[in-house]
Full PDB file with SEQRES, HELIX, SHEET, SSBOND, CRYST1, ORIGX, SCALE, CONECT and MASTER records, all heavy atoms in Angstrom:
SEQRES   1 A   30  TYR SER GLY LEU SER THR ASP ASP LEU HIS LEU ARG PHE          
SEQRES   2 A   30  PHE ALA VAL TYR HIS PRO PRO ARG ARG PHE PHE GLU HIS          
SEQRES   3 A   30  LEU ALA ALA ALA                                              
HELIX    1 AA1 THR A    6  PHE A   13  1                                   8    
HELIX    2 AA2 ARG A   21  ALA A   28  1                                   8    
CRYST1    1.000    1.000    1.000  90.00  90.00  90.00 P 1           1          
ORIGX1      1.000000  0.000000  0.000000        0.00000                         
ORIGX2      0.000000  1.000000  0.000000        0.00000                         
ORIGX3      0.000000  0.000000  1.000000        0.00000                         
SCALE1      1.000000  0.000000  0.000000        0.00000                         
SCALE2      0.000000  1.000000  0.000000        0.00000                         
SCALE3      0.000000  0.000000  1.000000        0.00000                         
ATOM      1  N   TYR A   1      76.077  72.035 132.861  1.00  0.00           N  
ATOM      2  CA  TYR A   1      75.030  72.085 131.842  1.00  0.00           C  
ATOM      3  C   TYR A   1      74.900  70.770 131.082  1.00  0.00           C  
ATOM      4  O   TYR A   1      73.815  70.431 130.622  1.00  0.00           O  
ATOM      5  CB  TYR A   1      75.287  73.245 130.874  1.00  0.00           C  
ATOM      6  CG  TYR A   1      74.769  74.569 131.385  1.00  0.00           C  
ATOM      7  CD1 TYR A   1      75.376  75.217 132.454  1.00  0.00           C  
ATOM      8  CD2 TYR A   1      73.660  75.167 130.802  1.00  0.00           C  
ATOM      9  CE1 TYR A   1      74.904  76.429 132.926  1.00  0.00           C  
ATOM     10  CE2 TYR A   1      73.168  76.389 131.259  1.00  0.00           C  
ATOM     11  CZ  TYR A   1      73.799  77.000 132.328  1.00  0.00           C  
ATOM     12  OH  TYR A   1      73.315  78.197 132.795  1.00  0.00           O  
ATOM     13  N   SER A   2      75.988  70.022 130.962  1.00  0.00           N  
ATOM     14  CA  SER A   2      75.903  68.735 130.250  1.00  0.00           C  
ATOM     15  C   SER A   2      75.081  67.718 131.033  1.00  0.00           C  
ATOM     16  O   SER A   2      74.595  66.741 130.465  1.00  0.00           O  
ATOM     17  CB  SER A   2      77.293  68.182 129.955  1.00  0.00           C  
ATOM     18  OG  SER A   2      77.929  67.743 131.148  1.00  0.00           O  
ATOM     19  N   GLY A   3      74.907  67.939 132.335  1.00  0.00           N  
ATOM     20  CA  GLY A   3      74.105  67.034 133.151  1.00  0.00           C  
ATOM     21  C   GLY A   3      72.637  67.400 133.229  1.00  0.00           C  
ATOM     22  O   GLY A   3      71.853  66.719 133.898  1.00  0.00           O  
ATOM     23  N   LEU A   4      72.232  68.475 132.539  1.00  0.00           N  
ATOM     24  CA  LEU A   4      70.830  68.895 132.580  1.00  0.00           C  
ATOM     25  C   LEU A   4      69.979  68.042 131.648  1.00  0.00           C  
ATOM     26  O   LEU A   4      70.410  67.673 130.562  1.00  0.00           O  
ATOM     27  CB  LEU A   4      70.708  70.368 132.180  1.00  0.00           C  
ATOM     28  CG  LEU A   4      71.395  71.382 133.082  1.00  0.00           C  
ATOM     29  CD1 LEU A   4      71.204  72.786 132.513  1.00  0.00           C  
ATOM     30  CD2 LEU A   4      70.891  71.307 134.513  1.00  0.00           C  
ATOM     31  N   SER A   5      68.773  67.764 132.073  1.00  0.00           N  
ATOM     32  CA  SER A   5      67.827  67.032 131.226  1.00  0.00           C  
ATOM     33  C   SER A   5      67.298  67.961 130.135  1.00  0.00           C  
ATOM     34  O   SER A   5      67.484  69.185 130.192  1.00  0.00           O  
ATOM     35  CB  SER A   5      66.654  66.529 132.076  1.00  0.00           C  
ATOM     36  OG  SER A   5      65.864  67.628 132.501  1.00  0.00           O  
ATOM     37  N   THR A   6      66.614  67.401 129.165  1.00  0.00           N  
ATOM     38  CA  THR A   6      66.004  68.234 128.121  1.00  0.00           C  
ATOM     39  C   THR A   6      64.966  69.174 128.721  1.00  0.00           C  
ATOM     40  O   THR A   6      64.831  70.309 128.277  1.00  0.00           O  
ATOM     41  CB  THR A   6      65.380  67.380 126.997  1.00  0.00           C  
ATOM     42  OG1 THR A   6      64.457  66.466 127.556  1.00  0.00           O  
ATOM     43  CG2 THR A   6      66.447  66.621 126.232  1.00  0.00           C  
ATOM     44  N   ASP A   7      64.241  68.712 129.744  1.00  0.00           N  
ATOM     45  CA  ASP A   7      63.279  69.595 130.422  1.00  0.00           C  
ATOM     46  C   ASP A   7      63.994  70.765 131.099  1.00  0.00           C  
ATOM     47  O   ASP A   7      63.543  71.908 131.024  1.00  0.00           O  
ATOM     48  CB  ASP A   7      62.467  68.826 131.462  1.00  0.00           C  
ATOM     49  CG  ASP A   7      61.428  67.910 130.845  1.00  0.00           C  
ATOM     50  OD1 ASP A   7      61.057  68.099 129.668  1.00  0.00           O  
ATOM     51  OD2 ASP A   7      60.981  66.980 131.557  1.00  0.00           O  
ATOM     52  N   ASP A   8      65.112  70.477 131.777  1.00  0.00           N  
ATOM     53  CA  ASP A   8      65.869  71.541 132.436  1.00  0.00           C  
ATOM     54  C   ASP A   8      66.416  72.537 131.418  1.00  0.00           C  
ATOM     55  O   ASP A   8      66.384  73.750 131.646  1.00  0.00           O  
ATOM     56  CB  ASP A   8      67.026  70.960 133.249  1.00  0.00           C  
ATOM     57  CG  ASP A   8      66.563  70.166 134.453  1.00  0.00           C  
ATOM     58  OD1 ASP A   8      65.440  70.396 134.933  1.00  0.00           O  
ATOM     59  OD2 ASP A   8      67.340  69.295 134.905  1.00  0.00           O  
ATOM     60  N   LEU A   9      66.932  72.031 130.300  1.00  0.00           N  
ATOM     61  CA  LEU A   9      67.437  72.922 129.257  1.00  0.00           C  
ATOM     62  C   LEU A   9      66.322  73.803 128.705  1.00  0.00           C  
ATOM     63  O   LEU A   9      66.520  74.994 128.465  1.00  0.00           O  
ATOM     64  CB  LEU A   9      68.084  72.113 128.128  1.00  0.00           C  
ATOM     65  CG  LEU A   9      69.420  71.452 128.465  1.00  0.00           C  
ATOM     66  CD1 LEU A   9      69.811  70.472 127.368  1.00  0.00           C  
ATOM     67  CD2 LEU A   9      70.507  72.504 128.664  1.00  0.00           C  
ATOM     68  N   HIS A  10      65.152  73.218 128.534  1.00  0.00           N  
ATOM     69  CA  HIS A  10      64.019  73.998 128.033  1.00  0.00           C  
ATOM     70  C   HIS A  10      63.627  75.084 129.028  1.00  0.00           C  
ATOM     71  O   HIS A  10      63.329  76.222 128.633  1.00  0.00           O  
ATOM     72  CB  HIS A  10      62.828  73.083 127.741  1.00  0.00           C  
ATOM     73  CG  HIS A  10      61.748  73.762 126.990  1.00  0.00           C  
ATOM     74  ND1 HIS A  10      60.702  74.402 127.609  1.00  0.00           N  
ATOM     75  CD2 HIS A  10      61.561  73.930 125.657  1.00  0.00           C  
ATOM     76  CE1 HIS A  10      59.912  74.936 126.699  1.00  0.00           C  
ATOM     77  NE2 HIS A  10      60.405  74.660 125.513  1.00  0.00           N  
ATOM     78  N   LEU A  11      63.632  74.760 130.303  1.00  0.00           N  
ATOM     79  CA  LEU A  11      63.314  75.770 131.317  1.00  0.00           C  
ATOM     80  C   LEU A  11      64.350  76.892 131.332  1.00  0.00           C  
ATOM     81  O   LEU A  11      64.011  78.053 131.557  1.00  0.00           O  
ATOM     82  CB  LEU A  11      63.217  75.130 132.706  1.00  0.00           C  
ATOM     83  CG  LEU A  11      61.999  74.247 132.938  1.00  0.00           C  
ATOM     84  CD1 LEU A  11      62.142  73.464 134.242  1.00  0.00           C  
ATOM     85  CD2 LEU A  11      60.725  75.086 132.959  1.00  0.00           C  
ATOM     86  N   ARG A  12      65.594  76.558 131.091  1.00  0.00           N  
ATOM     87  CA  ARG A  12      66.670  77.562 131.132  1.00  0.00           C  
ATOM     88  C   ARG A  12      66.694  78.430 129.878  1.00  0.00           C  
ATOM     89  O   ARG A  12      66.866  79.628 129.940  1.00  0.00           O  
ATOM     90  CB  ARG A  12      68.019  76.847 131.314  1.00  0.00           C  
ATOM     91  CG  ARG A  12      69.267  77.712 131.138  1.00  0.00           C  
ATOM     92  CD  ARG A  12      69.310  78.857 132.145  1.00  0.00           C  
ATOM     93  NE  ARG A  12      70.538  79.597 132.049  1.00  0.00           N  
ATOM     94  CZ  ARG A  12      70.769  80.598 131.197  1.00  0.00           C  
ATOM     95  NH1 ARG A  12      69.837  80.961 130.330  1.00  0.00           N  
ATOM     96  NH2 ARG A  12      71.918  81.233 131.202  1.00  0.00           N  
ATOM     97  N   PHE A  13      66.508  77.804 128.695  1.00  0.00           N  
ATOM     98  CA  PHE A  13      66.664  78.528 127.429  1.00  0.00           C  
ATOM     99  C   PHE A  13      65.372  78.673 126.633  1.00  0.00           C  
ATOM    100  O   PHE A  13      65.385  79.233 125.543  1.00  0.00           O  
ATOM    101  CB  PHE A  13      67.701  77.810 126.544  1.00  0.00           C  
ATOM    102  CG  PHE A  13      69.068  77.767 127.148  1.00  0.00           C  
ATOM    103  CD1 PHE A  13      69.598  76.578 127.614  1.00  0.00           C  
ATOM    104  CD2 PHE A  13      69.832  78.915 127.245  1.00  0.00           C  
ATOM    105  CE1 PHE A  13      70.867  76.531 128.174  1.00  0.00           C  
ATOM    106  CE2 PHE A  13      71.104  78.883 127.793  1.00  0.00           C  
ATOM    107  CZ  PHE A  13      71.621  77.685 128.264  1.00  0.00           C  
ATOM    108  N   PHE A  14      64.270  78.118 127.131  1.00  0.00           N  
ATOM    109  CA  PHE A  14      62.996  78.102 126.407  1.00  0.00           C  
ATOM    110  C   PHE A  14      63.115  77.318 125.101  1.00  0.00           C  
ATOM    111  O   PHE A  14      62.370  77.544 124.156  1.00  0.00           O  
ATOM    112  CB  PHE A  14      62.467  79.519 126.167  1.00  0.00           C  
ATOM    113  CG  PHE A  14      62.318  80.302 127.440  1.00  0.00           C  
ATOM    114  CD1 PHE A  14      63.247  81.273 127.788  1.00  0.00           C  
ATOM    115  CD2 PHE A  14      61.282  80.033 128.314  1.00  0.00           C  
ATOM    116  CE1 PHE A  14      63.126  81.978 128.976  1.00  0.00           C  
ATOM    117  CE2 PHE A  14      61.157  80.729 129.509  1.00  0.00           C  
ATOM    118  CZ  PHE A  14      62.078  81.713 129.828  1.00  0.00           C  
ATOM    119  N   ALA A  15      64.083  76.421 125.073  1.00  0.00           N  
ATOM    120  CA  ALA A  15      64.331  75.514 123.947  1.00  0.00           C  
ATOM    121  C   ALA A  15      65.318  74.468 124.439  1.00  0.00           C  
ATOM    122  O   ALA A  15      65.995  74.685 125.436  1.00  0.00           O  
ATOM    123  CB  ALA A  15      64.926  76.261 122.760  1.00  0.00           C  
ATOM    124  N   VAL A  16      65.397  73.358 123.750  1.00  0.00           N  
ATOM    125  CA  VAL A  16      66.426  72.369 124.081  1.00  0.00           C  
ATOM    126  C   VAL A  16      67.683  72.806 123.355  1.00  0.00           C  
ATOM    127  O   VAL A  16      67.894  72.493 122.184  1.00  0.00           O  
ATOM    128  CB  VAL A  16      65.995  70.942 123.695  1.00  0.00           C  
ATOM    129  CG1 VAL A  16      67.094  69.952 124.028  1.00  0.00           C  
ATOM    130  CG2 VAL A  16      64.712  70.571 124.414  1.00  0.00           C  
ATOM    131  N   TYR A  17      68.475  73.580 124.042  1.00  0.00           N  
ATOM    132  CA  TYR A  17      69.646  74.232 123.466  1.00  0.00           C  
ATOM    133  C   TYR A  17      70.883  73.749 124.215  1.00  0.00           C  
ATOM    134  O   TYR A  17      70.908  73.739 125.446  1.00  0.00           O  
ATOM    135  CB  TYR A  17      69.491  75.745 123.607  1.00  0.00           C  
ATOM    136  CG  TYR A  17      70.674  76.560 123.185  1.00  0.00           C  
ATOM    137  CD1 TYR A  17      71.098  76.570 121.865  1.00  0.00           C  
ATOM    138  CD2 TYR A  17      71.360  77.340 124.109  1.00  0.00           C  
ATOM    139  CE1 TYR A  17      72.185  77.343 121.475  1.00  0.00           C  
ATOM    140  CE2 TYR A  17      72.444  78.119 123.724  1.00  0.00           C  
ATOM    141  CZ  TYR A  17      72.852  78.108 122.412  1.00  0.00           C  
ATOM    142  OH  TYR A  17      73.923  78.869 122.028  1.00  0.00           O  
ATOM    143  N   HIS A  18      71.892  73.341 123.474  1.00  0.00           N  
ATOM    144  CA  HIS A  18      73.166  72.938 124.046  1.00  0.00           C  
ATOM    145  C   HIS A  18      74.176  74.023 123.674  1.00  0.00           C  
ATOM    146  O   HIS A  18      74.693  74.033 122.553  1.00  0.00           O  
ATOM    147  CB  HIS A  18      73.603  71.568 123.506  1.00  0.00           C  
ATOM    148  CG  HIS A  18      72.642  70.483 123.882  1.00  0.00           C  
ATOM    149  ND1 HIS A  18      72.683  69.838 125.100  1.00  0.00           N  
ATOM    150  CD2 HIS A  18      71.596  69.953 123.225  1.00  0.00           C  
ATOM    151  CE1 HIS A  18      71.727  68.947 125.163  1.00  0.00           C  
ATOM    152  NE2 HIS A  18      71.033  69.001 124.035  1.00  0.00           N  
ATOM    153  N   PRO A  19      74.431  74.948 124.603  1.00  0.00           N  
ATOM    154  CA  PRO A  19      75.267  76.098 124.266  1.00  0.00           C  
ATOM    155  C   PRO A  19      76.711  75.707 123.954  1.00  0.00           C  
ATOM    156  O   PRO A  19      77.245  74.761 124.524  1.00  0.00           O  
ATOM    157  CB  PRO A  19      75.195  76.983 125.507  1.00  0.00           C  
ATOM    158  CG  PRO A  19      74.659  76.138 126.585  1.00  0.00           C  
ATOM    159  CD  PRO A  19      73.944  74.990 125.966  1.00  0.00           C  
ATOM    160  N   PRO A  20      77.348  76.468 123.061  1.00  0.00           N  
ATOM    161  CA  PRO A  20      78.758  76.224 122.742  1.00  0.00           C  
ATOM    162  C   PRO A  20      79.662  76.771 123.859  1.00  0.00           C  
ATOM    163  O   PRO A  20      79.216  77.525 124.738  1.00  0.00           O  
ATOM    164  CB  PRO A  20      78.960  77.025 121.446  1.00  0.00           C  
ATOM    165  CG  PRO A  20      77.982  78.152 121.566  1.00  0.00           C  
ATOM    166  CD  PRO A  20      76.779  77.566 122.276  1.00  0.00           C  
ATOM    167  N   ARG A  21      80.923  76.415 123.818  1.00  0.00           N  
ATOM    168  CA  ARG A  21      81.890  76.854 124.820  1.00  0.00           C  
ATOM    169  C   ARG A  21      81.873  78.377 124.981  1.00  0.00           C  
ATOM    170  O   ARG A  21      82.011  78.886 126.091  1.00  0.00           O  
ATOM    171  CB  ARG A  21      83.288  76.358 124.431  1.00  0.00           C  
ATOM    172  CG  ARG A  21      84.342  76.702 125.466  1.00  0.00           C  
ATOM    173  CD  ARG A  21      85.702  76.102 125.135  1.00  0.00           C  
ATOM    174  NE  ARG A  21      86.626  76.341 126.219  1.00  0.00           N  
ATOM    175  CZ  ARG A  21      86.749  75.584 127.300  1.00  0.00           C  
ATOM    176  NH1 ARG A  21      86.003  74.516 127.447  1.00  0.00           N  
ATOM    177  NH2 ARG A  21      87.622  75.887 128.243  1.00  0.00           N  
ATOM    178  N   ARG A  22      81.719  79.112 123.897  1.00  0.00           N  
ATOM    179  CA  ARG A  22      81.721  80.584 123.958  1.00  0.00           C  
ATOM    180  C   ARG A  22      80.651  81.098 124.921  1.00  0.00           C  
ATOM    181  O   ARG A  22      80.856  82.104 125.592  1.00  0.00           O  
ATOM    182  CB  ARG A  22      81.520  81.170 122.556  1.00  0.00           C  
ATOM    183  CG  ARG A  22      81.452  82.672 122.531  1.00  0.00           C  
ATOM    184  CD  ARG A  22      82.785  83.302 122.955  1.00  0.00           C  
ATOM    185  NE  ARG A  22      82.597  84.725 123.186  1.00  0.00           N  
ATOM    186  CZ  ARG A  22      82.913  85.377 124.298  1.00  0.00           C  
ATOM    187  NH1 ARG A  22      83.472  84.740 125.299  1.00  0.00           N  
ATOM    188  NH2 ARG A  22      82.694  86.653 124.427  1.00  0.00           N  
ATOM    189  N   PHE A  23      79.501  80.437 124.994  1.00  0.00           N  
ATOM    190  CA  PHE A  23      78.446  80.827 125.939  1.00  0.00           C  
ATOM    191  C   PHE A  23      78.987  80.815 127.368  1.00  0.00           C  
ATOM    192  O   PHE A  23      78.755  81.739 128.147  1.00  0.00           O  
ATOM    193  CB  PHE A  23      77.252  79.874 125.809  1.00  0.00           C  
ATOM    194  CG  PHE A  23      76.216  80.053 126.875  1.00  0.00           C  
ATOM    195  CD1 PHE A  23      75.209  80.995 126.737  1.00  0.00           C  
ATOM    196  CD2 PHE A  23      76.246  79.290 128.039  1.00  0.00           C  
ATOM    197  CE1 PHE A  23      74.251  81.170 127.728  1.00  0.00           C  
ATOM    198  CE2 PHE A  23      75.297  79.454 129.030  1.00  0.00           C  
ATOM    199  CZ  PHE A  23      74.294  80.398 128.873  1.00  0.00           C  
ATOM    200  N   PHE A  24      79.719  79.767 127.716  1.00  0.00           N  
ATOM    201  CA  PHE A  24      80.235  79.627 129.075  1.00  0.00           C  
ATOM    202  C   PHE A  24      81.395  80.582 129.339  1.00  0.00           C  
ATOM    203  O   PHE A  24      81.558  81.066 130.457  1.00  0.00           O  
ATOM    204  CB  PHE A  24      80.643  78.169 129.331  1.00  0.00           C  
ATOM    205  CG  PHE A  24      79.476  77.235 129.176  1.00  0.00           C  
ATOM    206  CD1 PHE A  24      79.357  76.437 128.059  1.00  0.00           C  
ATOM    207  CD2 PHE A  24      78.474  77.178 130.132  1.00  0.00           C  
ATOM    208  CE1 PHE A  24      78.279  75.587 127.903  1.00  0.00           C  
ATOM    209  CE2 PHE A  24      77.378  76.341 129.979  1.00  0.00           C  
ATOM    210  CZ  PHE A  24      77.279  75.542 128.863  1.00  0.00           C  
ATOM    211  N   GLU A  25      82.172  80.865 128.312  1.00  0.00           N  
ATOM    212  CA  GLU A  25      83.230  81.866 128.452  1.00  0.00           C  
ATOM    213  C   GLU A  25      82.621  83.240 128.731  1.00  0.00           C  
ATOM    214  O   GLU A  25      83.112  83.990 129.580  1.00  0.00           O  
ATOM    215  CB  GLU A  25      84.101  81.893 127.192  1.00  0.00           C  
ATOM    216  CG  GLU A  25      84.924  80.635 127.020  1.00  0.00           C  
ATOM    217  CD  GLU A  25      85.561  80.513 125.654  1.00  0.00           C  
ATOM    218  OE1 GLU A  25      85.193  81.285 124.729  1.00  0.00           O  
ATOM    219  OE2 GLU A  25      86.429  79.631 125.493  1.00  0.00           O  
ATOM    220  N   HIS A  26      81.547  83.557 128.029  1.00  0.00           N  
ATOM    221  CA  HIS A  26      80.829  84.815 128.236  1.00  0.00           C  
ATOM    222  C   HIS A  26      80.240  84.860 129.649  1.00  0.00           C  
ATOM    223  O   HIS A  26      80.352  85.872 130.352  1.00  0.00           O  
ATOM    224  CB  HIS A  26      79.737  84.945 127.173  1.00  0.00           C  
ATOM    225  CG  HIS A  26      78.841  86.133 127.335  1.00  0.00           C  
ATOM    226  ND1 HIS A  26      79.274  87.428 127.154  1.00  0.00           N  
ATOM    227  CD2 HIS A  26      77.534  86.217 127.659  1.00  0.00           C  
ATOM    228  CE1 HIS A  26      78.264  88.257 127.358  1.00  0.00           C  
ATOM    229  NE2 HIS A  26      77.192  87.548 127.667  1.00  0.00           N  
ATOM    230  N   LEU A  27      79.637  83.778 130.077  1.00  0.00           N  
ATOM    231  CA  LEU A  27      79.045  83.712 131.412  1.00  0.00           C  
ATOM    232  C   LEU A  27      80.121  83.909 132.484  1.00  0.00           C  
ATOM    233  O   LEU A  27      79.937  84.687 133.424  1.00  0.00           O  
ATOM    234  CB  LEU A  27      78.355  82.358 131.593  1.00  0.00           C  
ATOM    235  CG  LEU A  27      77.429  82.200 132.772  1.00  0.00           C  
ATOM    236  CD1 LEU A  27      76.368  81.163 132.443  1.00  0.00           C  
ATOM    237  CD2 LEU A  27      78.170  81.800 134.004  1.00  0.00           C  
ATOM    238  N   ALA A  28      81.258  83.231 132.345  1.00  0.00           N  
ATOM    239  CA  ALA A  28      82.329  83.336 133.335  1.00  0.00           C  
ATOM    240  C   ALA A  28      82.947  84.733 133.363  1.00  0.00           C  
ATOM    241  O   ALA A  28      83.504  85.142 134.382  1.00  0.00           O  
ATOM    242  CB  ALA A  28      83.397  82.282 133.065  1.00  0.00           C  
ATOM    243  N   ALA A  29      82.834  85.467 132.269  1.00  0.00           N  
ATOM    244  CA  ALA A  29      83.388  86.819 132.186  1.00  0.00           C  
ATOM    245  C   ALA A  29      82.325  87.887 132.424  1.00  0.00           C  
ATOM    246  O   ALA A  29      82.528  89.050 132.091  1.00  0.00           O  
ATOM    247  CB  ALA A  29      84.035  87.019 130.814  1.00  0.00           C  
ATOM    248  N   ALA A  30      81.225  87.513 133.027  1.00  0.00           N  
ATOM    249  CA  ALA A  30      80.092  88.432 133.191  1.00  0.00           C  
ATOM    250  C   ALA A  30      80.488  89.759 133.819  1.00  0.00           C  
ATOM    251  O   ALA A  30      80.033  90.812 133.383  1.00  0.00           O  
ATOM    252  CB  ALA A  30      78.996  87.763 134.021  1.00  0.00           C  
TER     253      ALA A  30                                                      
MASTER        0    0    0    2    0    0    0    6  252    1    0    3          
END                                                                             
């Protein structure tokens, strides 16, 4: 996610959002 452009982040989150570590912990524990 750190390698995504602002356009890519907007497409993923509908905003230029840089998620915190907890987001990725939640994703990995899906």
